[in-house]
N, C-alpha and C. Protein backbone atom coordinates (compact mmCIF):
# COMPACT_ATOMS: atom_id res chain seq x y z
N MET A 1 1.21 -1.09 0.01
CA MET A 1 0.05 0.25 0.05
C MET A 1 1.06 1.44 -0.08
N THR A 2 0.54 2.20 -0.80
CA THR A 2 1.54 3.28 -0.91
C THR A 2 0.86 4.32 -0.04
N ALA A 3 1.87 5.07 0.80
CA ALA A 3 1.59 5.96 1.61
C ALA A 3 0.98 7.14 0.96
N PRO A 4 -0.02 7.88 1.42
CA PRO A 4 -0.32 9.07 0.60
C PRO A 4 0.75 10.09 0.68
N LYS A 5 0.19 10.95 -0.39
CA LYS A 5 1.29 12.27 -0.46
C LYS A 5 0.78 13.29 0.02
N ASN A 6 1.91 14.33 0.41
CA ASN A 6 1.43 15.55 1.36
C ASN A 6 1.55 14.93 2.67
N ARG A 7 1.57 13.96 3.29
CA ARG A 7 1.65 13.38 4.49
C ARG A 7 2.70 14.17 5.38
N ASP A 8 2.55 14.57 6.53
CA ASP A 8 3.43 15.37 7.57
C ASP A 8 3.93 14.21 8.16
N ASP A 9 5.36 14.10 8.43
CA ASP A 9 5.91 12.84 9.34
C ASP A 9 6.88 13.53 10.17
N LYS A 10 6.92 12.69 11.26
CA LYS A 10 7.89 13.09 12.39
C LYS A 10 9.31 12.15 12.44
N ARG A 11 10.55 12.98 13.04
CA ARG A 11 11.49 12.17 12.90
C ARG A 11 12.15 12.56 14.41
N THR A 12 12.58 11.47 15.00
CA THR A 12 13.23 11.51 16.24
C THR A 12 14.68 11.65 16.32
N THR A 13 15.32 12.53 16.56
CA THR A 13 16.82 12.41 16.58
C THR A 13 17.38 11.98 17.62
N ILE A 14 18.05 10.65 17.80
CA ILE A 14 18.48 10.37 19.13
C ILE A 14 20.20 10.33 19.07
N ASN A 15 20.61 10.85 20.20
CA ASN A 15 22.15 11.24 20.37
C ASN A 15 22.45 10.49 21.26
N GLN A 16 23.60 9.41 20.47
CA GLN A 16 23.89 8.09 21.02
C GLN A 16 24.54 8.18 22.27
N LYS A 17 25.27 9.86 22.47
CA LYS A 17 26.12 9.86 23.64
C LYS A 17 25.31 10.28 24.86
N VAL A 18 24.04 10.82 24.60
CA VAL A 18 23.25 11.25 25.77
C VAL A 18 22.04 10.01 26.39
N ASP A 19 22.44 9.92 27.74
CA ASP A 19 21.59 9.02 28.53
C ASP A 19 20.26 9.31 28.78
N TYR A 20 19.19 9.47 28.00
CA TYR A 20 18.04 9.74 28.07
C TYR A 20 17.32 8.98 29.44
N ARG A 21 17.49 7.99 29.64
CA ARG A 21 17.11 7.16 30.91
C ARG A 21 17.59 8.10 32.24
N ARG A 22 18.80 8.23 32.12
CA ARG A 22 19.46 8.74 33.40
C ARG A 22 18.98 10.24 33.40
N LEU A 23 18.72 10.93 32.47
CA LEU A 23 18.28 12.43 32.66
C LEU A 23 16.84 12.28 33.28
N ALA A 24 16.16 11.43 32.90
CA ALA A 24 14.56 11.30 33.52
C ALA A 24 14.81 10.72 35.16
N GLU A 25 15.61 9.96 35.37
CA GLU A 25 16.10 9.74 36.95
C GLU A 25 16.30 10.90 37.48
N LEU A 26 17.12 11.99 36.98
CA LEU A 26 17.76 12.77 37.64
C LEU A 26 16.37 14.23 37.94
N SER A 27 15.57 13.98 36.51
CA SER A 27 14.27 15.03 36.84
C SER A 27 13.53 14.62 37.94
N GLU A 28 13.25 13.18 38.17
CA GLU A 28 12.63 12.52 39.38
C GLU A 28 13.18 12.88 40.38
N GLU A 29 14.28 12.75 40.72
CA GLU A 29 14.99 13.21 42.09
C GLU A 29 15.03 14.71 42.48
N PHE A 30 15.32 15.38 41.18
CA PHE A 30 15.07 16.91 41.44
C PHE A 30 13.80 17.39 41.92
N THR A 31 12.77 16.69 41.16
CA THR A 31 11.35 16.77 41.87
C THR A 31 10.86 16.51 43.07
N SER A 32 11.58 15.08 43.36
CA SER A 32 11.32 14.90 44.70
C SER A 32 12.03 15.90 45.91
N LEU A 33 13.07 16.19 45.44
CA LEU A 33 13.89 17.19 46.58
C LEU A 33 13.10 18.46 46.79
N TRP A 34 12.18 18.89 45.47
CA TRP A 34 11.77 20.22 45.17
C TRP A 34 10.29 19.96 46.34
N ASP A 35 9.66 19.00 45.97
CA ASP A 35 8.54 18.76 46.95
C ASP A 35 8.69 18.68 48.41
N ARG A 36 9.94 17.83 48.50
CA ARG A 36 10.29 17.64 50.12
C ARG A 36 10.59 18.89 50.90
N LEU A 37 11.54 20.09 49.89
CA LEU A 37 11.75 21.10 50.66
C LEU A 37 10.63 21.95 50.54
N GLN A 38 9.81 22.41 49.52
CA GLN A 38 8.54 23.05 49.76
C GLN A 38 7.46 22.42 50.78
N ALA A 39 7.24 21.34 51.09
CA ALA A 39 6.36 20.84 51.95
C ALA A 39 7.23 21.30 53.57
N PHE A 40 8.45 20.76 53.70
CA PHE A 40 9.22 21.46 54.76
C PHE A 40 8.99 23.02 54.91
N TYR A 41 9.03 23.67 54.26
CA TYR A 41 8.98 25.34 54.29
C TYR A 41 7.45 25.78 54.83
N LEU A 42 6.74 25.18 54.06
CA LEU A 42 5.19 25.73 54.28
C LEU A 42 5.10 24.97 55.71
N ASP A 43 5.34 23.46 55.84
CA ASP A 43 4.85 23.15 57.37
C ASP A 43 5.70 23.85 58.38
N SER A 44 6.66 24.08 58.26
CA SER A 44 7.31 25.04 59.44
C SER A 44 6.89 26.34 59.47
N VAL A 45 6.75 26.94 58.50
CA VAL A 45 5.95 28.20 58.61
C VAL A 45 4.37 28.26 59.38
N VAL A 46 3.81 27.42 58.96
CA VAL A 46 2.66 26.91 59.50
C VAL A 46 2.83 26.58 61.17
N GLY A 47 3.96 26.08 61.51
CA GLY A 47 4.26 25.70 62.87
C GLY A 47 4.85 26.81 63.78
N PHE A 48 5.08 27.78 63.23
CA PHE A 48 5.66 28.94 63.66
C PHE A 48 4.53 29.95 63.85
N HIS A 49 3.33 29.90 62.87
CA HIS A 49 2.46 30.47 63.06
C HIS A 49 1.51 30.07 64.56
N TYR A 50 1.35 28.82 64.58
CA TYR A 50 0.93 27.97 65.49
C TYR A 50 1.46 28.46 67.19
N VAL A 51 2.68 28.34 67.15
CA VAL A 51 3.52 28.86 68.16
C VAL A 51 3.07 30.22 68.62
N LEU A 52 3.13 30.84 67.78
CA LEU A 52 2.85 32.46 68.05
C LEU A 52 1.53 32.67 68.68
N GLU A 53 0.15 31.95 67.80
CA GLU A 53 -0.87 31.91 68.18
C GLU A 53 -1.17 31.45 69.71
N ARG A 54 -0.17 30.63 69.97
CA ARG A 54 -0.43 29.81 71.35
C ARG A 54 0.20 30.74 72.43
N VAL A 55 1.11 31.06 72.48
CA VAL A 55 1.89 32.18 73.22
C VAL A 55 0.80 33.62 73.54
N ALA A 56 0.21 33.91 72.18
CA ALA A 56 -0.60 35.36 72.64
C ALA A 56 -1.87 34.93 73.30
N THR A 57 -2.56 33.55 73.02
CA THR A 57 -3.80 33.11 73.82
C THR A 57 -3.45 32.79 74.87
N ASN A 58 -2.47 32.26 75.44
CA ASN A 58 -1.89 32.12 76.80
C ASN A 58 -1.61 33.13 77.54
N GLN A 59 -1.28 34.23 76.78
CA GLN A 59 -0.97 35.43 77.56
C GLN A 59 -2.35 36.49 77.74
N GLN A 60 -3.16 36.48 76.84
CA GLN A 60 -4.61 36.75 77.01
C GLN A 60 -5.18 36.11 78.36
N GLN A 61 -5.12 34.79 78.59
CA GLN A 61 -5.41 34.13 79.50
C GLN A 61 -4.81 34.56 80.96
N ALA A 62 -3.79 34.44 80.73
CA ALA A 62 -2.96 35.00 82.04
C ALA A 62 -3.40 36.30 82.50
N ARG A 63 -3.63 37.36 81.66
CA ARG A 63 -3.75 38.53 82.10
C ARG A 63 -5.53 38.61 82.59
N MET A 64 -6.09 37.78 82.21
CA MET A 64 -7.60 37.47 82.95
C MET A 64 -7.31 37.68 84.31
N PHE A 65 -6.49 36.78 84.83
CA PHE A 65 -6.48 36.42 86.33
C PHE A 65 -5.53 37.64 87.33
N VAL A 66 -5.18 38.26 86.39
CA VAL A 66 -4.52 39.76 87.08
C VAL A 66 -5.13 41.38 86.64
N ARG A 67 -6.54 40.83 85.88
CA ARG A 67 -7.08 42.25 85.40
C ARG A 67 -6.87 43.38 86.15
N GLY A 68 -6.27 44.75 85.66
CA GLY A 68 -6.47 45.72 86.24
C GLY A 68 -5.08 46.13 87.35
N SER A 69 -4.45 44.98 87.52
CA SER A 69 -3.02 45.23 88.14
C SER A 69 -1.78 45.50 87.23
N GLU A 70 -0.75 45.85 87.73
CA GLU A 70 0.06 46.04 87.12
C GLU A 70 0.84 44.86 86.41
N LEU A 71 0.37 43.80 86.61
CA LEU A 71 0.83 42.67 85.42
C LEU A 71 -0.05 42.32 84.47
N ASP A 72 -0.84 43.27 84.37
CA ASP A 72 -1.88 43.28 83.34
C ASP A 72 -1.17 43.97 82.16
N SER A 73 -0.20 43.52 81.36
CA SER A 73 0.16 44.00 80.32
C SER A 73 0.80 43.24 79.27
N GLU A 74 1.07 43.43 77.87
CA GLU A 74 1.59 42.46 77.18
C GLU A 74 3.05 42.62 77.51
N ALA A 75 3.85 43.74 77.84
CA ALA A 75 5.28 43.94 78.15
C ALA A 75 5.55 42.96 79.40
N PHE A 76 4.67 42.63 80.61
CA PHE A 76 4.99 41.93 81.45
C PHE A 76 4.92 40.52 81.08
N GLN A 77 3.98 40.45 80.20
CA GLN A 77 3.76 38.87 79.70
C GLN A 77 4.82 38.51 78.90
N ASP A 78 5.18 39.49 78.37
CA ASP A 78 6.55 39.02 77.33
C ASP A 78 8.01 38.66 78.28
N THR A 79 7.94 39.28 79.60
CA THR A 79 8.98 38.91 80.51
C THR A 79 8.86 37.18 80.94
N ARG A 80 7.70 36.75 81.05
CA ARG A 80 7.75 35.32 81.42
C ARG A 80 8.13 34.32 80.64
N MET A 81 8.87 33.39 81.57
CA MET A 81 9.24 32.52 80.55
C MET A 81 8.42 31.48 79.53
N PHE A 82 8.71 30.99 78.49
CA PHE A 82 8.16 30.16 77.63
C PHE A 82 8.69 28.77 77.99
N ASN A 83 7.57 27.64 77.71
CA ASN A 83 7.84 26.53 77.99
C ASN A 83 7.22 25.61 76.90
N TYR A 84 7.28 24.57 76.47
CA TYR A 84 6.98 23.54 75.50
C TYR A 84 5.58 22.81 76.10
N ASP A 85 5.36 23.00 77.36
CA ASP A 85 3.98 22.16 78.21
C ASP A 85 2.89 22.45 77.01
N GLY A 86 2.32 20.93 76.99
CA GLY A 86 1.40 21.27 76.51
C GLY A 86 1.48 21.09 74.62
N ILE A 87 2.68 21.30 74.22
CA ILE A 87 2.94 20.94 72.92
C ILE A 87 3.39 19.75 72.51
N PHE A 88 4.72 19.46 73.31
CA PHE A 88 5.43 18.13 72.99
C PHE A 88 5.43 17.25 74.29
N PRO A 89 5.31 16.28 74.10
CA PRO A 89 5.37 15.20 75.39
C PRO A 89 6.57 15.49 76.36
N ASP A 90 6.53 14.96 77.59
CA ASP A 90 7.87 15.21 78.55
C ASP A 90 9.22 14.42 77.83
N GLY A 91 10.09 15.42 77.98
CA GLY A 91 11.32 14.69 77.42
C GLY A 91 11.61 14.40 75.80
N PHE A 92 10.50 15.47 75.22
CA PHE A 92 10.67 15.46 73.67
C PHE A 92 12.15 16.31 73.40
N CYS A 93 12.88 15.28 72.63
CA CYS A 93 14.22 16.25 72.11
C CYS A 93 15.00 17.10 73.47
N THR A 94 15.11 18.20 73.17
CA THR A 94 15.50 19.13 74.24
C THR A 94 14.49 20.09 74.70
N SER A 95 13.46 19.91 74.82
CA SER A 95 12.33 20.74 74.89
C SER A 95 12.19 21.03 76.38
N GLY A 96 12.85 20.20 77.28
CA GLY A 96 12.85 20.38 78.81
C GLY A 96 14.17 21.72 79.20
N ILE A 97 14.91 21.64 78.32
CA ILE A 97 15.93 22.49 78.79
C ILE A 97 15.96 24.10 78.20
N HIS A 98 15.19 23.89 77.08
CA HIS A 98 15.10 25.17 76.50
C HIS A 98 14.43 26.47 77.12
N ARG A 99 15.38 27.61 76.89
CA ARG A 99 14.81 28.83 77.89
C ARG A 99 14.98 30.12 77.04
N ALA A 100 13.65 30.47 76.93
CA ALA A 100 13.37 31.82 76.03
C ALA A 100 12.25 32.62 76.74
N SER A 101 12.47 33.82 76.66
CA SER A 101 11.05 34.39 77.12
C SER A 101 10.11 34.71 76.17
N GLN A 102 8.68 34.83 76.62
CA GLN A 102 7.80 34.68 75.83
C GLN A 102 7.75 35.73 74.61
N GLY A 103 8.41 37.02 75.05
CA GLY A 103 8.66 38.01 74.00
C GLY A 103 9.62 37.63 72.95
N GLU A 104 10.76 36.63 73.27
CA GLU A 104 11.61 36.28 72.28
C GLU A 104 11.20 35.13 71.63
N VAL A 105 10.09 34.40 72.35
CA VAL A 105 9.53 33.40 71.43
C VAL A 105 8.31 34.06 70.16
N LYS A 106 7.81 34.99 70.83
CA LYS A 106 7.08 35.97 69.66
C LYS A 106 7.91 36.27 68.52
N ASN A 107 8.94 37.05 68.66
CA ASN A 107 9.44 37.84 67.82
C ASN A 107 9.86 36.87 67.07
N ARG A 108 10.68 35.55 67.26
CA ARG A 108 11.29 34.61 66.77
C ARG A 108 10.72 34.11 65.77
N ASN A 109 9.12 34.14 66.03
CA ASN A 109 7.98 33.31 64.99
C ASN A 109 7.26 34.32 64.69
N THR A 110 7.52 35.61 64.23
CA THR A 110 6.54 36.36 63.29
C THR A 110 7.20 36.22 61.96
N GLN A 111 6.19 36.85 60.86
CA GLN A 111 6.74 36.48 59.64
C GLN A 111 7.98 36.86 59.32
N GLY A 112 8.63 38.20 60.02
CA GLY A 112 9.67 38.42 59.56
C GLY A 112 10.93 37.99 60.72
N GLY A 113 10.54 37.16 61.41
CA GLY A 113 11.37 36.87 62.49
C GLY A 113 12.63 36.07 62.30
N LYS A 114 13.53 35.64 63.41
CA LYS A 114 14.38 35.00 62.75
C LYS A 114 14.10 33.21 62.41
N ASN A 115 13.22 32.50 62.66
CA ASN A 115 12.80 31.80 62.42
C ASN A 115 12.37 31.03 61.03
N VAL A 116 11.65 32.17 60.55
CA VAL A 116 11.47 32.26 58.71
C VAL A 116 12.78 32.29 58.09
N ASN A 117 13.34 33.13 58.57
CA ASN A 117 14.90 33.62 58.02
C ASN A 117 15.78 32.66 58.07
N THR A 118 15.68 31.85 59.08
CA THR A 118 16.75 30.78 59.14
C THR A 118 16.21 29.40 58.44
N LEU A 119 14.69 29.53 58.31
CA LEU A 119 14.16 28.39 57.59
C LEU A 119 14.48 28.56 55.87
N GLY A 120 14.34 29.64 55.57
CA GLY A 120 14.66 30.16 54.21
C GLY A 120 16.24 29.73 53.63
N GLN A 121 16.97 30.25 54.72
CA GLN A 121 18.34 29.78 54.53
C GLN A 121 19.16 28.53 54.49
N VAL A 122 18.00 28.02 55.15
CA VAL A 122 18.32 26.38 54.95
C VAL A 122 17.97 25.65 53.98
N CYS A 123 16.72 26.30 53.45
CA CYS A 123 16.18 25.63 52.17
C CYS A 123 17.10 25.85 51.14
N LEU A 124 17.52 27.20 51.23
CA LEU A 124 17.94 27.42 50.12
C LEU A 124 19.73 26.63 49.96
N THR A 125 20.41 26.74 50.87
CA THR A 125 21.53 26.21 51.08
C THR A 125 21.43 24.73 50.70
N SER A 126 20.22 23.94 50.96
CA SER A 126 19.99 22.15 50.74
C SER A 126 19.84 22.18 48.81
N PHE A 127 19.16 23.25 48.76
CA PHE A 127 18.74 23.07 47.04
C PHE A 127 20.40 23.07 46.59
N TYR A 128 20.88 24.43 46.95
CA TYR A 128 22.28 24.38 46.20
C TYR A 128 23.45 23.52 46.35
N ASP A 129 23.31 22.84 47.37
CA ASP A 129 23.97 21.92 47.72
C ASP A 129 24.04 20.70 46.88
N PHE A 130 22.65 19.93 46.88
CA PHE A 130 21.73 19.15 45.87
C PHE A 130 22.51 19.45 44.65
N TRP A 131 22.50 20.70 44.00
CA TRP A 131 22.85 21.08 42.56
C TRP A 131 24.49 20.53 42.40
N ASN A 132 25.00 21.58 43.33
CA ASN A 132 26.60 21.64 43.01
C ASN A 132 27.36 20.12 43.15
N ASP A 133 27.13 19.49 44.52
CA ASP A 133 27.58 18.56 44.74
C ASP A 133 27.25 17.11 44.13
N TYR A 134 25.90 17.22 43.61
CA TYR A 134 25.53 15.93 42.65
C TYR A 134 24.75 16.22 41.34
N LEU A 135 23.82 16.93 41.27
CA LEU A 135 22.86 17.09 40.02
C LEU A 135 23.70 17.54 38.98
N ARG A 136 24.59 18.72 39.27
CA ARG A 136 25.06 19.35 37.90
C ARG A 136 26.02 18.22 37.54
N ILE A 137 27.23 17.54 38.18
CA ILE A 137 28.06 16.75 37.70
C ILE A 137 27.25 15.48 36.72
N GLU A 138 26.42 15.11 37.25
CA GLU A 138 25.51 14.01 37.02
C GLU A 138 24.57 14.36 35.65
N TYR A 139 24.26 15.43 35.62
CA TYR A 139 23.57 16.34 34.36
C TYR A 139 24.58 16.11 33.10
N VAL A 140 25.53 16.75 33.38
CA VAL A 140 26.68 16.99 32.44
C VAL A 140 27.29 15.21 31.86
N LYS A 141 27.45 14.25 32.75
CA LYS A 141 27.42 13.07 32.79
C LYS A 141 26.44 12.28 31.62
N ALA A 142 25.38 12.53 32.16
CA ALA A 142 24.25 12.19 31.15
C ALA A 142 24.03 12.75 29.93
N LYS A 143 24.64 14.16 29.65
CA LYS A 143 24.72 14.64 28.34
C LYS A 143 25.55 13.94 27.64
N GLY A 144 26.62 13.22 28.12
CA GLY A 144 27.63 12.88 27.27
C GLY A 144 28.43 13.92 27.04
N LEU A 145 28.58 14.75 28.06
CA LEU A 145 29.50 15.85 27.65
C LEU A 145 30.90 16.18 28.86
N TYR A 146 30.94 15.09 29.90
CA TYR A 146 31.85 15.16 30.93
C TYR A 146 33.00 14.62 30.49
N ASP A 147 34.27 15.34 31.06
CA ASP A 147 35.53 15.06 30.62
C ASP A 147 36.53 15.00 32.35
N PRO A 148 36.50 13.94 32.41
CA PRO A 148 37.44 13.92 33.93
C PRO A 148 38.65 14.88 34.20
N ASN A 149 39.21 15.04 33.05
CA ASN A 149 40.16 16.08 33.22
C ASN A 149 40.50 17.25 33.14
N ASP A 150 39.11 17.73 32.86
CA ASP A 150 38.77 19.11 32.80
C ASP A 150 37.32 19.31 33.14
N ARG A 151 37.22 18.91 34.69
CA ARG A 151 35.61 19.04 35.15
C ARG A 151 35.68 20.35 35.11
N ASP A 152 36.24 21.47 35.69
CA ASP A 152 35.52 22.86 35.74
C ASP A 152 34.98 23.26 34.44
N ARG A 153 35.73 23.12 33.48
CA ARG A 153 35.46 23.54 32.24
C ARG A 153 33.85 22.87 31.55
N CYS A 154 34.01 21.87 31.81
CA CYS A 154 32.74 20.94 31.48
C CYS A 154 31.26 21.42 32.29
N LEU A 155 31.68 21.97 33.76
CA LEU A 155 30.35 22.00 34.32
C LEU A 155 30.17 23.28 33.68
N ARG A 156 31.35 24.40 33.89
CA ARG A 156 31.03 25.59 33.62
C ARG A 156 30.20 25.85 32.04
N GLU A 157 30.69 25.26 30.94
CA GLU A 157 30.04 25.31 29.75
C GLU A 157 28.81 24.53 29.33
N HIS A 158 28.49 23.36 30.03
CA HIS A 158 27.36 22.54 29.93
C HIS A 158 26.49 22.75 31.27
N ALA A 159 26.88 23.19 32.10
CA ALA A 159 26.11 23.32 33.33
C ALA A 159 25.74 24.27 34.19
N SER A 160 25.62 25.45 33.47
CA SER A 160 25.63 26.82 33.86
C SER A 160 24.19 27.48 34.14
N HIS A 161 23.86 27.98 35.06
CA HIS A 161 22.18 28.70 35.03
C HIS A 161 22.43 29.92 36.08
N ASP A 162 21.47 30.89 35.27
CA ASP A 162 21.71 32.23 36.17
C ASP A 162 20.97 32.13 37.69
N LEU A 163 20.02 30.88 37.56
CA LEU A 163 19.25 30.98 39.01
C LEU A 163 20.13 30.01 39.83
N TRP A 164 20.82 29.14 39.48
CA TRP A 164 21.73 28.49 40.43
C TRP A 164 22.93 29.19 40.47
N GLY A 165 23.27 30.04 39.88
CA GLY A 165 24.59 31.19 39.96
C GLY A 165 23.76 32.05 40.89
N ASP A 166 22.74 32.68 40.95
CA ASP A 166 22.56 33.83 41.93
C ASP A 166 22.45 32.75 43.33
N LEU A 167 22.08 31.71 43.61
CA LEU A 167 21.83 30.81 44.46
C LEU A 167 23.33 30.61 45.47
N TYR A 168 24.58 30.30 44.26
CA TYR A 168 25.67 30.39 44.92
C TYR A 168 26.13 31.47 45.53
N TYR A 169 25.66 32.89 44.98
CA TYR A 169 26.21 33.99 45.69
C TYR A 169 25.50 34.03 47.08
N LEU A 170 24.16 33.85 47.22
CA LEU A 170 23.26 33.92 48.59
C LEU A 170 24.11 32.93 49.28
N ARG A 171 24.11 31.78 48.91
CA ARG A 171 24.54 30.58 49.71
C ARG A 171 25.98 30.95 50.14
N THR A 172 26.91 31.60 49.52
CA THR A 172 28.18 31.74 49.83
C THR A 172 28.22 32.53 51.13
N ALA A 173 27.33 33.66 50.87
CA ALA A 173 27.14 34.80 51.95
C ALA A 173 26.72 34.12 53.29
N ILE A 174 25.55 33.10 53.28
CA ILE A 174 24.97 32.51 54.27
C ILE A 174 25.90 31.71 54.90
N VAL A 175 26.76 30.55 54.01
CA VAL A 175 27.61 29.66 54.95
C VAL A 175 28.93 30.45 55.17
N HIS A 176 29.41 31.22 54.74
CA HIS A 176 30.82 31.60 54.66
C HIS A 176 31.05 33.33 55.15
N HIS A 177 29.94 33.83 55.27
CA HIS A 177 29.83 35.20 55.78
C HIS A 177 28.88 35.64 56.71
N GLN A 178 28.32 34.60 57.49
CA GLN A 178 27.42 34.68 58.70
C GLN A 178 26.17 35.30 58.30
N GLY A 179 25.65 35.06 57.26
CA GLY A 179 24.80 35.49 56.68
C GLY A 179 24.65 36.74 56.22
N ILE A 180 25.55 37.35 55.95
CA ILE A 180 25.62 38.74 55.66
C ILE A 180 26.25 38.86 54.11
N ALA A 181 25.78 39.66 53.17
CA ALA A 181 25.65 39.83 51.60
C ALA A 181 27.43 40.30 51.40
N THR A 182 27.76 39.74 50.80
CA THR A 182 29.18 40.11 50.11
C THR A 182 28.92 41.23 48.78
N ASN A 183 30.51 41.42 48.48
CA ASN A 183 30.36 42.19 47.19
C ASN A 183 29.72 41.36 45.80
N ASP A 184 29.87 40.10 46.23
CA ASP A 184 29.57 39.12 44.91
C ASP A 184 27.97 39.35 44.62
N VAL A 185 27.20 39.56 45.56
CA VAL A 185 25.56 39.81 45.50
C VAL A 185 25.45 40.68 44.25
N LYS A 186 26.37 41.62 43.99
CA LYS A 186 25.85 42.29 42.94
C LYS A 186 26.19 41.59 41.36
N LYS A 187 26.53 40.66 41.46
CA LYS A 187 26.72 39.78 40.47
C LYS A 187 25.52 38.90 39.89
N CYS A 188 24.46 38.89 40.82
CA CYS A 188 23.07 38.36 40.74
C CYS A 188 22.33 39.05 39.46
N LYS A 189 21.77 37.85 39.01
CA LYS A 189 21.10 38.66 37.89
C LYS A 189 19.68 38.39 37.77
N LEU A 190 19.22 37.39 38.57
CA LEU A 190 17.85 37.58 39.07
C LEU A 190 17.17 37.91 40.10
N LEU A 191 17.82 37.50 40.93
CA LEU A 191 17.60 37.62 42.36
C LEU A 191 18.19 38.70 43.10
N LYS A 192 17.95 39.90 42.88
CA LYS A 192 18.51 41.20 43.07
C LYS A 192 17.57 41.79 44.08
N TRP A 193 17.73 41.14 45.36
CA TRP A 193 17.27 41.77 46.60
C TRP A 193 18.07 42.51 47.42
N PHE A 194 19.52 42.05 47.52
CA PHE A 194 20.43 42.48 48.72
C PHE A 194 21.58 43.37 48.11
N LEU A 195 22.04 44.29 48.73
CA LEU A 195 23.53 44.98 48.65
C LEU A 195 24.41 44.36 49.62
N PRO A 196 25.48 44.53 49.09
CA PRO A 196 26.79 44.21 50.23
C PRO A 196 26.54 44.57 51.49
N GLY A 197 26.72 43.86 52.42
CA GLY A 197 26.34 44.36 54.15
C GLY A 197 24.96 44.11 54.39
N ASP A 198 24.01 43.85 53.76
CA ASP A 198 22.75 43.18 54.02
C ASP A 198 22.60 41.85 54.53
N GLU A 199 21.81 41.68 55.54
CA GLU A 199 21.53 40.47 55.87
C GLU A 199 20.77 39.55 55.04
N ILE A 200 21.09 38.34 54.66
CA ILE A 200 20.39 37.69 53.74
C ILE A 200 19.22 37.05 54.41
N ALA A 201 18.17 37.87 54.54
CA ALA A 201 17.12 37.41 55.18
C ALA A 201 15.85 37.26 54.35
N LEU A 202 15.56 36.02 54.04
CA LEU A 202 14.57 35.57 52.67
C LEU A 202 13.58 35.68 53.44
N SER A 203 12.40 36.33 52.95
CA SER A 203 10.60 36.79 53.43
C SER A 203 10.18 35.48 52.85
N SER A 204 9.04 35.27 52.95
CA SER A 204 8.18 34.00 52.46
C SER A 204 8.03 34.64 50.63
N ASP A 205 8.07 35.78 50.36
CA ASP A 205 8.02 36.54 49.16
C ASP A 205 9.21 35.95 48.44
N ASN A 206 10.40 36.30 49.07
CA ASN A 206 11.53 35.87 48.33
C ASN A 206 11.70 34.38 48.08
N MET A 207 11.18 33.54 48.99
CA MET A 207 11.11 32.08 49.03
C MET A 207 10.05 31.49 47.87
N ARG A 208 9.01 32.11 47.62
CA ARG A 208 8.15 32.00 46.63
C ARG A 208 8.86 32.23 45.45
N THR A 209 9.63 33.32 45.03
CA THR A 209 10.31 33.26 43.89
C THR A 209 11.17 32.28 43.57
N ILE A 210 11.87 32.09 44.51
CA ILE A 210 13.06 30.73 44.48
C ILE A 210 12.31 29.35 44.11
N LEU A 211 11.51 29.09 44.93
CA LEU A 211 10.80 27.86 44.54
C LEU A 211 9.88 27.94 43.27
N LEU A 212 9.14 28.99 42.95
CA LEU A 212 8.63 28.75 41.79
C LEU A 212 10.03 28.86 40.40
N GLY A 213 10.92 29.79 40.57
CA GLY A 213 12.40 29.60 39.74
C GLY A 213 12.74 28.20 39.66
N LEU A 214 12.72 27.51 40.93
CA LEU A 214 13.38 26.42 40.78
C LEU A 214 12.45 25.41 40.17
N LEU A 215 11.10 25.47 40.26
CA LEU A 215 9.82 24.55 39.71
C LEU A 215 9.98 24.93 38.15
N LEU A 216 10.30 25.89 37.60
CA LEU A 216 10.70 26.43 36.06
C LEU A 216 11.73 25.51 35.47
N TYR A 217 12.83 25.47 36.53
CA TYR A 217 14.21 24.71 36.21
C TYR A 217 13.76 23.31 35.95
N ARG A 218 13.09 22.52 37.18
CA ARG A 218 12.83 21.06 36.89
C ARG A 218 11.93 21.04 35.85
N ASN A 219 11.07 21.95 35.04
CA ASN A 219 10.18 21.75 33.65
C ASN A 219 11.44 21.57 32.77
N GLU A 220 12.39 22.44 32.56
CA GLU A 220 13.21 22.32 31.63
C GLU A 220 14.55 20.87 31.66
N LEU A 221 14.71 20.42 32.86
CA LEU A 221 15.26 19.13 33.36
C LEU A 221 14.36 18.40 32.61
N TYR A 222 13.05 18.09 32.95
CA TYR A 222 12.35 17.01 32.65
C TYR A 222 12.03 16.82 30.96
N LYS A 223 12.23 17.99 30.26
CA LYS A 223 12.16 18.21 28.98
C LYS A 223 13.34 17.44 28.36
N GLU A 224 14.46 17.49 29.16
CA GLU A 224 15.77 16.67 28.61
C GLU A 224 15.68 15.41 28.40
N GLN A 225 14.67 14.85 28.89
CA GLN A 225 14.46 13.39 28.87
C GLN A 225 14.17 12.85 27.44
N PHE A 226 13.72 13.69 26.57
CA PHE A 226 12.95 13.51 25.54
C PHE A 226 13.70 13.62 24.25
N PRO A 227 14.52 12.87 23.28
CA PRO A 227 14.89 13.17 22.27
C PRO A 227 14.28 14.16 21.56
N PRO A 228 14.84 15.12 20.78
CA PRO A 228 14.25 16.34 20.05
C PRO A 228 13.62 15.45 18.71
N THR A 229 12.66 16.21 18.63
CA THR A 229 11.58 15.61 17.26
C THR A 229 11.32 16.52 16.27
N THR A 230 11.55 16.36 14.77
CA THR A 230 11.37 17.12 13.95
C THR A 230 10.42 16.82 13.08
N LEU A 231 9.32 17.92 13.17
CA LEU A 231 8.28 17.69 12.09
C LEU A 231 8.71 18.05 10.21
N LEU A 232 8.45 17.13 9.70
CA LEU A 232 8.52 17.03 8.32
C LEU A 232 7.69 17.28 7.74
N ILE A 233 7.23 18.59 6.84
CA ILE A 233 6.22 18.75 6.02
C ILE A 233 6.45 18.37 4.83
N ALA A 234 5.69 17.43 4.06
CA ALA A 234 6.11 16.85 2.59
C ALA A 234 4.99 17.84 1.64
N GLU A 235 5.67 18.07 0.57
CA GLU A 235 5.22 18.60 -0.49
C GLU A 235 4.07 18.20 -1.34
């Protein structure tokens, strides 16, 4: 039977150097990490809000018993010690030896407090370390472009990305400069939030941008597992 004329055809180009199955595995691994750290961030922020609300509620109840006295103030209540009674069972981790005033606990659990900042720094560092210590080199190997004798050039030429580059500058400031931005933050191409000397304080809006940016990268990586297809249009 003769094929009809003017029929469009598709041809898939297979690069024998590329390990498409390995690229699919890397995409799945990064997706798993993204899902896990996204959930970790969101669950943690919910936990911070829960603690903040619990302290505020307990302070309101305590003030009812001293209504009208000099103890009936938020300032005084903030000086009282905080404990995890009613939150954790006895002896959970180091909850029994934790010491902080209720004011300190409220401050660190606010939207712009130290807990949210530290959480964002931990997530950013975890993402970048996965990329730099594992995904980047495995990607180049899967693309068939890795030369063990010229590792740095291979990574620079075949596994460079503006978002990962920005995360590198921020991660360096977090890990090696006590969370204070260095002059290198001026090199950021996408995440232009900080100036040299600023604290790398990542708000929930900042983390939303990072997570969505990494999701776009995941989509790019996902496409790599499919060989390119060319549509041929017959005359």
